[in-house]
């Protein structure tokens, strides 16, 4: 039997489908890439903040515990603050006149302790009125993370629904890509290849192809989004941004969620508490969601947060979630 398409048509349509599926797979995986970018951008802001803290600690602090180090020699060699020490290796410090290798090792150890304390105490702030290259990078990565979530989900869904069907059609189409293989194929195999070509063609021109191309275009535009777009979106819903950042980098904004001063066993129980936020018209910060879970777990609580931290926002969802959970159980 003849065929309704050429060998080059078969090769071309297979390549088009493979390229489309590869793009969708990249889109599906991009959400994880965006999340990693948030972590890296946040870490860069923390490193700069820590560096600034260390620059404000004079090198004389190394002798605060009575270590008896030759601070003047360090200063004469250009080591004026802890940041200067942190940026150099132990053997560079040991090369300073009057500083032994053991002394240099002690200096580096103390410097590491300063660094760890500074990092632990560092909190970053997101403010649209105070922008710099590092905060631009963080807000941009958060914007792509937030917008990319739905795009990645859609790409995963389309692949799940269609990849097996496409690969089966491509497999059945294979005999048509070889001249001799086609000549010696049975009429049944040729018919299957013809049907597969038509199905692949219809998929590209139908809903699958349109949705796939739309997803890839949205991903392309998202990758090309600028800082101004990200900051405008941030200003529309800063709570959602800070909540996402707290979820990715717990404690970075000053709301460390480890146990909030509770016994560890109780904290684990509260963390597992169901908190269905369907129907809520506000976004809860991480510590606020913890407060809601605590109230749901305990039944009766007194919220004693400081003014401005959102006690009302924590209290209002409790009856709603309790009612909704009871309704679902019924």
C-alpha atoms as a PDB file:
ATOM      1  CA  UNK A   1       0.000   0.000   0.000  1.00  0.00           C
ATOM      2  CA  UNK A   2       1.031   3.607  -0.533  1.00  0.00           C
ATOM      3  CA  UNK A   3       1.399   6.166   2.176  1.00  0.00           C
ATOM      4  CA  UNK A   4      -0.090   9.619   2.662  1.00  0.00           C
ATOM      5  CA  UNK A   5       3.213  11.182   3.768  1.00  0.00           C
ATOM      6  CA  UNK A   6       6.865  11.129   2.807  1.00  0.00           C
ATOM      7  CA  UNK A   7       9.887   9.767   4.623  1.00  0.00           C
ATOM      8  CA  UNK A   8      10.998  13.327   5.425  1.00  0.00           C
ATOM      9  CA  UNK A   9       7.494  14.071   6.763  1.00  0.00           C
ATOM     10  CA  UNK A  10       7.838  11.163   9.202  1.00  0.00           C
ATOM     11  CA  UNK A  11      11.291  12.260  10.325  1.00  0.00           C
ATOM     12  CA  UNK A  12      10.104  15.851  10.684  1.00  0.00           C
ATOM     13  CA  UNK A  13       7.003  15.093  12.734  1.00  0.00           C
ATOM     14  CA  UNK A  14       8.972  12.818  15.068  1.00  0.00           C
ATOM     15  CA  UNK A  15      11.546  15.554  15.608  1.00  0.00           C
ATOM     16  CA  UNK A  16       8.803  18.116  16.236  1.00  0.00           C
ATOM     17  CA  UNK A  17       7.183  15.923  18.876  1.00  0.00           C
ATOM     18  CA  UNK A  18      10.499  15.078  20.519  1.00  0.00           C
ATOM     19  CA  UNK A  19      11.444  18.752  20.705  1.00  0.00           C
ATOM     20  CA  UNK A  20       8.064  19.610  22.181  1.00  0.00           C
ATOM     21  CA  UNK A  21       8.280  16.868  24.810  1.00  0.00           C
ATOM     22  CA  UNK A  22      11.840  17.869  25.666  1.00  0.00           C
ATOM     23  CA  UNK A  23      10.676  21.456  26.162  1.00  0.00           C
ATOM     24  CA  UNK A  24       7.785  20.315  28.343  1.00  0.00           C
ATOM     25  CA  UNK A  25      10.124  18.173  30.440  1.00  0.00           C
ATOM     26  CA  UNK A  26      12.397  21.164  30.945  1.00  0.00           C
ATOM     27  CA  UNK A  27       9.371  23.253  31.926  1.00  0.00           C
ATOM     28  CA  UNK A  28       8.257  20.567  34.369  1.00  0.00           C
ATOM     29  CA  UNK A  29      11.724  20.538  35.970  1.00  0.00           C
ATOM     30  CA  UNK A  30      12.133  24.322  35.939  1.00  0.00           C
ATOM     31  CA  UNK A  31      10.227  24.776  39.209  1.00  0.00           C
ATOM     32  CA  UNK A  32      13.035  23.025  41.085  1.00  0.00           C
ATOM     33  CA  UNK A  33      15.559  25.242  39.306  1.00  0.00           C
ATOM     34  CA  UNK A  34      13.637  28.342  40.371  1.00  0.00           C
ATOM     35  CA  UNK A  35      13.542  27.107  43.969  1.00  0.00           C
ATOM     36  CA  UNK A  36      17.313  26.567  43.930  1.00  0.00           C
ATOM     37  CA  UNK A  37      17.746  30.086  42.537  1.00  0.00           C
ATOM     38  CA  UNK A  38      15.778  31.492  45.494  1.00  0.00           C
ATOM     39  CA  UNK A  39      18.059  29.665  47.949  1.00  0.00           C
ATOM     40  CA  UNK A  40      21.189  30.865  46.158  1.00  0.00           C
ATOM     41  CA  UNK A  41      19.977  34.482  45.971  1.00  0.00           C
ATOM     42  CA  UNK A  42      18.985  34.472  49.638  1.00  0.00           C
ATOM     43  CA  UNK A  43      22.340  32.986  50.599  1.00  0.00           C
ATOM     44  CA  UNK A  44      24.119  35.730  48.660  1.00  0.00           C
ATOM     45  CA  UNK A  45      22.198  38.370  50.637  1.00  0.00           C
ATOM     46  CA  UNK A  46      23.067  36.634  53.896  1.00  0.00           C
ATOM     47  CA  UNK A  47      26.758  36.431  52.943  1.00  0.00           C
ATOM     48  CA  UNK A  48      26.843  40.152  52.235  1.00  0.00           C
ATOM     49  CA  UNK A  49      25.074  40.938  55.523  1.00  0.00           C
ATOM     50  CA  UNK A  50      27.496  38.712  57.440  1.00  0.00           C
ATOM     51  CA  UNK A  51      30.432  40.356  55.683  1.00  0.00           C
ATOM     52  CA  UNK A  52      29.168  43.793  56.724  1.00  0.00           C
ATOM     53  CA  UNK A  53      28.786  42.636  60.333  1.00  0.00           C
ATOM     54  CA  UNK A  54      32.321  41.232  60.353  1.00  0.00           C
ATOM     55  CA  UNK A  55      33.674  44.481  58.900  1.00  0.00           C
ATOM     56  CA  UNK A  56      32.231  46.257  61.940  1.00  0.00           C
ATOM     57  CA  UNK A  57      34.079  44.019  64.413  1.00  0.00           C
ATOM     58  CA  UNK A  58      37.594  45.363  65.055  1.00  0.00           C
ATOM     59  CA  UNK A  59      40.449  42.904  65.103  1.00  0.00           C
ATOM     60  CA  UNK A  60      41.062  43.825  68.767  1.00  0.00           C
ATOM     61  CA  UNK A  61      38.062  41.621  69.643  1.00  0.00           C
ATOM     62  CA  UNK A  62      40.278  38.580  69.111  1.00  0.00           C
ATOM     63  CA  UNK A  63      42.041  39.438  72.358  1.00  0.00           C
ATOM     64  CA  UNK A  64      38.839  39.927  74.326  1.00  0.00           C
ATOM     65  CA  UNK A  65      39.250  36.471  75.907  1.00  0.00           C
ATOM     66  CA  UNK A  66      42.869  37.207  76.846  1.00  0.00           C
ATOM     67  CA  UNK A  67      44.444  35.206  74.032  1.00  0.00           C
ATOM     68  CA  UNK A  68      47.525  37.448  74.075  1.00  0.00           C
ATOM     69  CA  UNK A  69      47.683  37.823  70.299  1.00  0.00           C
ATOM     70  CA  UNK A  70      49.883  40.490  68.692  1.00  0.00           C
ATOM     71  CA  UNK A  71      47.081  42.650  67.381  1.00  0.00           C
ATOM     72  CA  UNK A  72      49.379  45.514  66.357  1.00  0.00           C
ATOM     73  CA  UNK A  73      51.289  43.178  64.049  1.00  0.00           C
ATOM     74  CA  UNK A  74      48.012  42.053  62.477  1.00  0.00           C
ATOM     75  CA  UNK A  75      46.925  45.654  61.936  1.00  0.00           C
ATOM     76  CA  UNK A  76      50.274  46.605  60.495  1.00  0.00           C
ATOM     77  CA  UNK A  77      49.767  43.797  57.955  1.00  0.00           C
ATOM     78  CA  UNK A  78      46.355  45.132  56.929  1.00  0.00           C
ATOM     79  CA  UNK A  79      44.099  43.038  59.176  1.00  0.00           C
ATOM     80  CA  UNK A  80      41.854  45.717  60.672  1.00  0.00           C
ATOM     81  CA  UNK A  81      38.629  43.811  61.251  1.00  0.00           C
ATOM     82  CA  UNK A  82      37.279  40.270  61.423  1.00  0.00           C
ATOM     83  CA  UNK A  83      36.236  40.386  57.772  1.00  0.00           C
ATOM     84  CA  UNK A  84      39.865  40.879  56.785  1.00  0.00           C
ATOM     85  CA  UNK A  85      40.797  37.779  58.796  1.00  0.00           C
ATOM     86  CA  UNK A  86      37.898  35.725  57.370  1.00  0.00           C
ATOM     87  CA  UNK A  87      39.014  36.402  53.803  1.00  0.00           C
ATOM     88  CA  UNK A  88      42.533  35.017  54.326  1.00  0.00           C
ATOM     89  CA  UNK A  89      43.902  31.533  54.815  1.00  0.00           C
ATOM     90  CA  UNK A  90      45.578  30.305  57.990  1.00  0.00           C
ATOM     91  CA  UNK A  91      49.068  30.210  56.466  1.00  0.00           C
ATOM     92  CA  UNK A  92      48.732  33.788  55.216  1.00  0.00           C
ATOM     93  CA  UNK A  93      47.980  34.875  58.772  1.00  0.00           C
ATOM     94  CA  UNK A  94      50.825  32.746  60.116  1.00  0.00           C
ATOM     95  CA  UNK A  95      53.167  34.672  57.807  1.00  0.00           C
ATOM     96  CA  UNK A  96      52.549  37.834  59.855  1.00  0.00           C
ATOM     97  CA  UNK A  97      55.512  38.662  62.067  1.00  0.00           C
ATOM     98  CA  UNK A  98      54.924  37.448  65.609  1.00  0.00           C
ATOM     99  CA  UNK A  99      51.993  35.123  64.691  1.00  0.00           C
ATOM    100  CA  UNK A 100      52.797  31.443  65.026  1.00  0.00           C
ATOM    101  CA  UNK A 101      51.017  28.676  63.163  1.00  0.00           C
ATOM    102  CA  UNK A 102      49.147  27.743  66.344  1.00  0.00           C
ATOM    103  CA  UNK A 103      48.256  31.387  66.842  1.00  0.00           C
ATOM    104  CA  UNK A 104      46.973  31.623  63.282  1.00  0.00           C
ATOM    105  CA  UNK A 105      44.908  28.482  63.825  1.00  0.00           C
ATOM    106  CA  UNK A 106      43.396  30.034  66.966  1.00  0.00           C
ATOM    107  CA  UNK A 107      42.668  33.259  65.101  1.00  0.00           C
ATOM    108  CA  UNK A 108      40.870  31.408  62.314  1.00  0.00           C
ATOM    109  CA  UNK A 109      38.877  29.376  64.833  1.00  0.00           C
ATOM    110  CA  UNK A 110      37.721  32.508  66.657  1.00  0.00           C
ATOM    111  CA  UNK A 111      36.935  34.166  63.331  1.00  0.00           C
ATOM    112  CA  UNK A 112      34.791  31.183  62.372  1.00  0.00           C
ATOM    113  CA  UNK A 113      32.888  31.545  65.645  1.00  0.00           C
ATOM    114  CA  UNK A 114      32.280  35.227  64.912  1.00  0.00           C
ATOM    115  CA  UNK A 115      31.069  34.287  61.428  1.00  0.00           C
ATOM    116  CA  UNK A 116      28.695  31.591  62.662  1.00  0.00           C
ATOM    117  CA  UNK A 117      27.164  33.918  65.263  1.00  0.00           C
ATOM    118  CA  UNK A 118      26.733  36.644  62.673  1.00  0.00           C
ATOM    119  CA  UNK A 119      25.119  34.258  60.221  1.00  0.00           C
ATOM    120  CA  UNK A 120      22.768  32.889  62.871  1.00  0.00           C
ATOM    121  CA  UNK A 121      21.648  36.374  63.839  1.00  0.00           C
ATOM    122  CA  UNK A 122      21.346  37.695  60.283  1.00  0.00           C
ATOM    123  CA  UNK A 123      17.839  38.470  59.045  1.00  0.00           C
ATOM    124  CA  UNK A 124      17.115  39.890  55.633  1.00  0.00           C
ATOM    125  CA  UNK A 125      14.358  42.359  54.787  1.00  0.00           C
ATOM    126  CA  UNK A 126      12.469  42.728  51.528  1.00  0.00           C
ATOM    127  CA  UNK A 127      11.511  46.307  50.755  1.00  0.00           C
ATOM    128  CA  UNK A 128      10.473  47.658  47.360  1.00  0.00           C
ATOM    129  CA  UNK A 129      11.840  51.079  48.356  1.00  0.00           C
ATOM    130  CA  UNK A 130      15.304  49.694  49.119  1.00  0.00           C
ATOM    131  CA  UNK A 131      16.539  47.819  46.088  1.00  0.00           C
ATOM    132  CA  UNK A 132      20.010  46.651  45.160  1.00  0.00           C
ATOM    133  CA  UNK A 133      21.418  44.002  42.813  1.00  0.00           C
ATOM    134  CA  UNK A 134      21.169  41.267  45.453  1.00  0.00           C
ATOM    135  CA  UNK A 135      17.586  42.054  46.479  1.00  0.00           C
ATOM    136  CA  UNK A 136      16.672  42.354  42.788  1.00  0.00           C
ATOM    137  CA  UNK A 137      18.043  38.859  42.211  1.00  0.00           C
ATOM    138  CA  UNK A 138      16.108  37.462  45.174  1.00  0.00           C
ATOM    139  CA  UNK A 139      12.789  39.074  44.234  1.00  0.00           C
ATOM    140  CA  UNK A 140      13.278  38.044  40.611  1.00  0.00           C
ATOM    141  CA  UNK A 141      13.937  34.432  41.564  1.00  0.00           C
ATOM    142  CA  UNK A 142      10.944  34.431  43.933  1.00  0.00           C
ATOM    143  CA  UNK A 143       8.762  35.854  41.172  1.00  0.00           C
ATOM    144  CA  UNK A 144       9.828  33.124  38.761  1.00  0.00           C
ATOM    145  CA  UNK A 145       9.392  30.510  41.493  1.00  0.00           C
ATOM    146  CA  UNK A 146       5.837  31.677  42.202  1.00  0.00           C
ATOM    147  CA  UNK A 147       4.791  32.068  38.575  1.00  0.00           C
ATOM    148  CA  UNK A 148       6.620  28.938  37.445  1.00  0.00           C
ATOM    149  CA  UNK A 149       4.799  26.669  39.856  1.00  0.00           C
ATOM    150  CA  UNK A 150       1.602  26.510  37.785  1.00  0.00           C
ATOM    151  CA  UNK A 151       3.525  26.324  34.509  1.00  0.00           C
ATOM    152  CA  UNK A 152       5.576  23.355  35.737  1.00  0.00           C
ATOM    153  CA  UNK A 153       2.446  21.638  37.037  1.00  0.00           C
ATOM    154  CA  UNK A 154       0.697  22.076  33.698  1.00  0.00           C
ATOM    155  CA  UNK A 155       3.727  20.786  31.801  1.00  0.00           C
ATOM    156  CA  UNK A 156       3.895  17.712  34.047  1.00  0.00           C
ATOM    157  CA  UNK A 157       0.178  17.094  33.565  1.00  0.00           C
ATOM    158  CA  UNK A 158       0.369  17.315  29.765  1.00  0.00           C
ATOM    159  CA  UNK A 159       3.356  14.962  29.663  1.00  0.00           C
ATOM    160  CA  UNK A 160       1.611  12.497  31.938  1.00  0.00           C
ATOM    161  CA  UNK A 161      -1.495  12.529  29.748  1.00  0.00           C
ATOM    162  CA  UNK A 162       0.205  12.312  26.361  1.00  0.00           C
ATOM    163  CA  UNK A 163       3.802  11.029  26.453  1.00  0.00           C
ATOM    164  CA  UNK A 164       2.934   7.309  26.295  1.00  0.00           C
ATOM    165  CA  UNK A 165       0.551   7.868  23.402  1.00  0.00           C
ATOM    166  CA  UNK A 166       3.146   9.927  21.496  1.00  0.00           C
ATOM    167  CA  UNK A 167       5.971   7.452  22.045  1.00  0.00           C
ATOM    168  CA  UNK A 168       3.747   4.595  20.925  1.00  0.00           C
ATOM    169  CA  UNK A 169       2.881   6.448  17.731  1.00  0.00           C
ATOM    170  CA  UNK A 170       6.530   7.280  17.091  1.00  0.00           C
ATOM    171  CA  UNK A 171       7.421   3.612  17.549  1.00  0.00           C
ATOM    172  CA  UNK A 172       4.712   2.536  15.088  1.00  0.00           C
ATOM    173  CA  UNK A 173       5.864   5.230  12.658  1.00  0.00           C
ATOM    174  CA  UNK A 174       9.465   3.944  12.581  1.00  0.00           C
ATOM    175  CA  UNK A 175       9.144   1.660   9.495  1.00  0.00           C
ATOM    176  CA  UNK A 176       8.188   4.642   7.340  1.00  0.00           C
ATOM    177  CA  UNK A 177      11.553   6.333   7.955  1.00  0.00           C
ATOM    178  CA  UNK A 178      13.506   3.676   6.071  1.00  0.00           C
ATOM    179  CA  UNK A 179      13.048   3.010   2.365  1.00  0.00           C
ATOM    180  CA  UNK A 180      13.778  -0.733   2.384  1.00  0.00           C
ATOM    181  CA  UNK A 181      12.153  -1.305   5.760  1.00  0.00           C
ATOM    182  CA  UNK A 182       8.979   0.236   4.415  1.00  0.00           C
ATOM    183  CA  UNK A 183       9.058  -1.844   1.238  1.00  0.00           C
ATOM    184  CA  UNK A 184       9.301  -5.097   3.160  1.00  0.00           C
ATOM    185  CA  UNK A 185       6.770  -4.191   5.877  1.00  0.00           C
ATOM    186  CA  UNK A 186       3.382  -5.876   5.972  1.00  0.00           C
ATOM    187  CA  UNK A 187       0.243  -3.996   5.038  1.00  0.00           C
ATOM    188  CA  UNK A 188      -0.803  -4.109   8.695  1.00  0.00           C
ATOM    189  CA  UNK A 189       2.421  -2.413   9.814  1.00  0.00           C
ATOM    190  CA  UNK A 190       2.091   0.164   7.022  1.00  0.00           C
ATOM    191  CA  UNK A 191      -1.476   0.915   8.037  1.00  0.00           C
ATOM    192  CA  UNK A 192      -0.426   1.313  11.653  1.00  0.00           C
ATOM    193  CA  UNK A 193       2.342   3.714  10.602  1.00  0.00           C
ATOM    194  CA  UNK A 194      -0.091   5.706   8.481  1.00  0.00           C
ATOM    195  CA  UNK A 195      -2.554   5.959  11.345  1.00  0.00           C
ATOM    196  CA  UNK A 196       0.218   6.962  13.742  1.00  0.00           C
ATOM    197  CA  UNK A 197       1.398   9.742  11.424  1.00  0.00           C
ATOM    198  CA  UNK A 198      -2.126  11.124  11.188  1.00  0.00           C
ATOM    199  CA  UNK A 199      -2.541  10.942  14.954  1.00  0.00           C
ATOM    200  CA  UNK A 200       0.776  12.717  15.568  1.00  0.00           C
ATOM    201  CA  UNK A 201      -0.148  15.369  13.010  1.00  0.00           C
ATOM    202  CA  UNK A 202      -3.570  15.933  14.590  1.00  0.00           C
ATOM    203  CA  UNK A 203      -2.034  16.185  18.068  1.00  0.00           C
ATOM    204  CA  UNK A 204       0.359  18.916  16.988  1.00  0.00           C
ATOM    205  CA  UNK A 205      -2.447  20.906  15.371  1.00  0.00           C
ATOM    206  CA  UNK A 206      -4.947  20.202  18.137  1.00  0.00           C
ATOM    207  CA  UNK A 207      -5.328  20.914  21.845  1.00  0.00           C
ATOM    208  CA  UNK A 208      -2.112  19.156  22.884  1.00  0.00           C
ATOM    209  CA  UNK A 209       0.062  21.137  20.510  1.00  0.00           C
ATOM    210  CA  UNK A 210      -1.607  24.446  21.346  1.00  0.00           C
ATOM    211  CA  UNK A 211      -1.373  23.954  25.092  1.00  0.00           C
ATOM    212  CA  UNK A 212       2.230  22.753  24.869  1.00  0.00           C
ATOM    213  CA  UNK A 213       3.350  25.707  22.771  1.00  0.00           C
ATOM    214  CA  UNK A 214       1.491  28.075  25.101  1.00  0.00           C
ATOM    215  CA  UNK A 215       3.293  26.619  28.135  1.00  0.00           C
ATOM    216  CA  UNK A 216       6.700  26.938  26.490  1.00  0.00           C
ATOM    217  CA  UNK A 217       5.966  30.531  25.488  1.00  0.00           C
ATOM    218  CA  UNK A 218       4.866  31.397  29.027  1.00  0.00           C
ATOM    219  CA  UNK A 219       8.046  29.822  30.360  1.00  0.00           C
ATOM    220  CA  UNK A 220      10.128  31.780  27.853  1.00  0.00           C
ATOM    221  CA  UNK A 221       8.467  35.052  28.903  1.00  0.00           C
ATOM    222  CA  UNK A 222       8.926  34.183  32.566  1.00  0.00           C
ATOM    223  CA  UNK A 223      12.639  33.514  32.070  1.00  0.00           C
ATOM    224  CA  UNK A 224      12.927  36.893  30.354  1.00  0.00           C
ATOM    225  CA  UNK A 225      10.954  38.804  33.022  1.00  0.00           C
ATOM    226  CA  UNK A 226      12.684  41.889  34.427  1.00  0.00           C
ATOM    227  CA  UNK A 227      13.200  43.163  37.973  1.00  0.00           C
ATOM    228  CA  UNK A 228      10.514  45.836  37.632  1.00  0.00           C
ATOM    229  CA  UNK A 229       7.817  43.258  36.881  1.00  0.00           C
ATOM    230  CA  UNK A 230       8.905  41.172  39.859  1.00  0.00           C
ATOM    231  CA  UNK A 231       8.886  44.132  42.265  1.00  0.00           C
ATOM    232  CA  UNK A 232       5.429  45.233  41.091  1.00  0.00           C
ATOM    233  CA  UNK A 233       4.113  41.750  41.753  1.00  0.00           C
ATOM    234  CA  UNK A 234       5.825  41.774  45.150  1.00  0.00           C
ATOM    235  CA  UNK A 235       4.102  45.043  46.084  1.00  0.00           C
ATOM    236  CA  UNK A 236       0.722  43.517  45.247  1.00  0.00           C
ATOM    237  CA  UNK A 237       1.205  40.622  47.700  1.00  0.00           C
ATOM    238  CA  UNK A 238       4.340  40.923  49.869  1.00  0.00           C
ATOM    239  CA  UNK A 239       3.004  38.419  52.408  1.00  0.00           C
ATOM    240  CA  UNK A 240       2.872  35.681  49.781  1.00  0.00           C
ATOM    241  CA  UNK A 241       6.492  36.404  48.858  1.00  0.00           C
ATOM    242  CA  UNK A 242       7.723  36.347  52.436  1.00  0.00           C
ATOM    243  CA  UNK A 243       5.772  33.147  53.110  1.00  0.00           C
ATOM    244  CA  UNK A 244       7.388  31.428  50.131  1.00  0.00           C
ATOM    245  CA  UNK A 245      10.821  32.639  51.235  1.00  0.00           C
ATOM    246  CA  UNK A 246      10.210  31.367  54.766  1.00  0.00           C
ATOM    247  CA  UNK A 247       9.174  27.986  53.379  1.00  0.00           C
ATOM    248  CA  UNK A 248      12.311  27.716  51.256  1.00  0.00           C
ATOM    249  CA  UNK A 249      14.723  29.284  53.771  1.00  0.00           C
ATOM    250  CA  UNK A 250      13.218  28.869  57.277  1.00  0.00           C
ATOM    251  CA  UNK A 251      14.273  31.503  59.789  1.00  0.00           C
ATOM    252  CA  UNK A 252      15.780  33.854  57.231  1.00  0.00           C
ATOM    253  CA  UNK A 253      13.223  36.584  57.954  1.00  0.00           C
ATOM    254  CA  UNK A 254      13.353  36.142  61.716  1.00  0.00           C
ATOM    255  CA  UNK A 255      10.535  33.612  62.133  1.00  0.00           C
ATOM    256  CA  UNK A 256      12.478  30.420  62.752  1.00  0.00           C
ATOM    257  CA  UNK A 257       9.964  27.609  62.919  1.00  0.00           C
ATOM    258  CA  UNK A 258      12.013  24.992  64.725  1.00  0.00           C
ATOM    259  CA  UNK A 259       9.814  24.486  67.830  1.00  0.00           C
ATOM    260  CA  UNK A 260       8.877  28.033  68.925  1.00  0.00           C
ATOM    261  CA  UNK A 261       9.911  27.270  72.498  1.00  0.00           C
ATOM    262  CA  UNK A 262       7.604  24.259  72.793  1.00  0.00           C
ATOM    263  CA  UNK A 263       8.543  20.769  74.004  1.00  0.00           C
ATOM    264  CA  UNK A 264       9.864  18.865  71.017  1.00  0.00           C
ATOM    265  CA  UNK A 265       7.195  16.136  71.142  1.00  0.00           C
ATOM    266  CA  UNK A 266       4.362  18.699  71.280  1.00  0.00           C
ATOM    267  CA  UNK A 267       5.969  20.690  68.462  1.00  0.00           C
ATOM    268  CA  UNK A 268       6.016  17.593  66.243  1.00  0.00           C
ATOM    269  CA  UNK A 269       2.326  16.949  66.952  1.00  0.00           C
ATOM    270  CA  UNK A 270       1.426  20.532  66.081  1.00  0.00           C
ATOM    271  CA  UNK A 271       3.506  20.453  62.919  1.00  0.00           C
ATOM    272  CA  UNK A 272       1.476  17.417  61.752  1.00  0.00           C
ATOM    273  CA  UNK A 273      -1.844  19.137  62.539  1.00  0.00           C
ATOM    274  CA  UNK A 274      -4.079  19.433  59.492  1.00  0.00           C
ATOM    275  CA  UNK A 275      -4.508  23.032  58.379  1.00  0.00           C
ATOM    276  CA  UNK A 276      -6.788  23.168  55.333  1.00  0.00           C
ATOM    277  CA  UNK A 277      -6.652  26.760  54.118  1.00  0.00           C
ATOM    278  CA  UNK A 278      -9.204  26.332  51.310  1.00  0.00           C
ATOM    279  CA  UNK A 279     -11.546  29.292  51.287  1.00  0.00           C
ATOM    280  CA  UNK A 280      -9.260  31.635  53.229  1.00  0.00           C
ATOM    281  CA  UNK A 281      -8.976  35.015  51.553  1.00  0.00           C
ATOM    282  CA  UNK A 282      -5.581  35.849  53.035  1.00  0.00           C
ATOM    283  CA  UNK A 283      -2.082  34.401  52.981  1.00  0.00           C
ATOM    284  CA  UNK A 284      -0.685  33.232  56.312  1.00  0.00           C
ATOM    285  CA  UNK A 285       2.933  33.803  57.219  1.00  0.00           C
ATOM    286  CA  UNK A 286       4.766  30.672  58.364  1.00  0.00           C
ATOM    287  CA  UNK A 287       4.614  31.592  62.043  1.00  0.00           C
ATOM    288  CA  UNK A 288       0.933  32.525  61.648  1.00  0.00           C
ATOM    289  CA  UNK A 289       0.138  29.119  60.164  1.00  0.00           C
ATOM    290  CA  UNK A 290       1.988  27.580  63.104  1.00  0.00           C
ATOM    291  CA  UNK A 291      -0.195  29.656  65.457  1.00  0.00           C
ATOM    292  CA  UNK A 292      -3.339  28.393  63.716  1.00  0.00           C
ATOM    293  CA  UNK A 293      -2.138  24.788  63.994  1.00  0.00           C
ATOM    294  CA  UNK A 294      -1.330  25.315  67.661  1.00  0.00           C
ATOM    295  CA  UNK A 295      -4.852  26.658  68.313  1.00  0.00           C
ATOM    296  CA  UNK A 296      -6.435  23.766  66.415  1.00  0.00           C
ATOM    297  CA  UNK A 297      -4.325  21.253  68.331  1.00  0.00           C
ATOM    298  CA  UNK A 298      -4.868  22.737  71.794  1.00  0.00           C
ATOM    299  CA  UNK A 299      -8.539  23.696  71.400  1.00  0.00           C
ATOM    300  CA  UNK A 300      -8.243  26.758  73.643  1.00  0.00           C
ATOM    301  CA  UNK A 301      -5.344  29.218  73.477  1.00  0.00           C
ATOM    302  CA  UNK A 302      -4.377  32.762  74.350  1.00  0.00           C
ATOM    303  CA  UNK A 303      -2.434  34.461  71.558  1.00  0.00           C
ATOM    304  CA  UNK A 304       0.203  36.688  73.101  1.00  0.00           C
ATOM    305  CA  UNK A 305       2.139  37.910  70.053  1.00  0.00           C
ATOM    306  CA  UNK A 306       3.388  41.481  69.992  1.00  0.00           C
ATOM    307  CA  UNK A 307       1.345  44.188  68.317  1.00  0.00           C
ATOM    308  CA  UNK A 308       1.444  44.046  64.516  1.00  0.00           C
ATOM    309  CA  UNK A 309       2.320  40.371  64.143  1.00  0.00           C
ATOM    310  CA  UNK A 310      -1.184  39.357  63.076  1.00  0.00           C
ATOM    311  CA  UNK A 311      -3.046  37.871  66.047  1.00  0.00           C
ATOM    312  CA  UNK A 312      -6.383  38.559  64.350  1.00  0.00           C
ATOM    313  CA  UNK A 313      -5.219  36.886  61.152  1.00  0.00           C
ATOM    314  CA  UNK A 314      -4.237  33.830  63.189  1.00  0.00           C
ATOM    315  CA  UNK A 315      -7.483  33.724  65.180  1.00  0.00           C
ATOM    316  CA  UNK A 316      -9.972  34.148  62.346  1.00  0.00           C
ATOM    317  CA  UNK A 317      -9.100  30.975  60.365  1.00  0.00           C
ATOM    318  CA  UNK A 318      -9.423  28.689  63.421  1.00  0.00           C
ATOM    319  CA  UNK A 319     -13.252  28.409  63.488  1.00  0.00           C
ATOM    320  CA  UNK A 320     -13.352  28.314  59.693  1.00  0.00           C
ATOM    321  CA  UNK A 321     -10.884  25.400  59.486  1.00  0.00           C
ATOM    322  CA  UNK A 322     -12.537  23.611  62.420  1.00  0.00           C
ATOM    323  CA  UNK A 323     -15.950  23.923  60.760  1.00  0.00           C
ATOM    324  CA  UNK A 324     -14.603  22.838  57.360  1.00  0.00           C
ATOM    325  CA  UNK A 325     -12.784  19.823  58.805  1.00  0.00           C
ATOM    326  CA  UNK A 326     -15.896  18.760  60.710  1.00  0.00           C
ATOM    327  CA  UNK A 327     -18.013  19.143  57.562  1.00  0.00           C
ATOM    328  CA  UNK A 328     -15.622  16.981  55.528  1.00  0.00           C
ATOM    329  CA  UNK A 329     -15.536  14.333  58.267  1.00  0.00           C
ATOM    330  CA  UNK A 330     -19.342  14.289  58.296  1.00  0.00           C
END
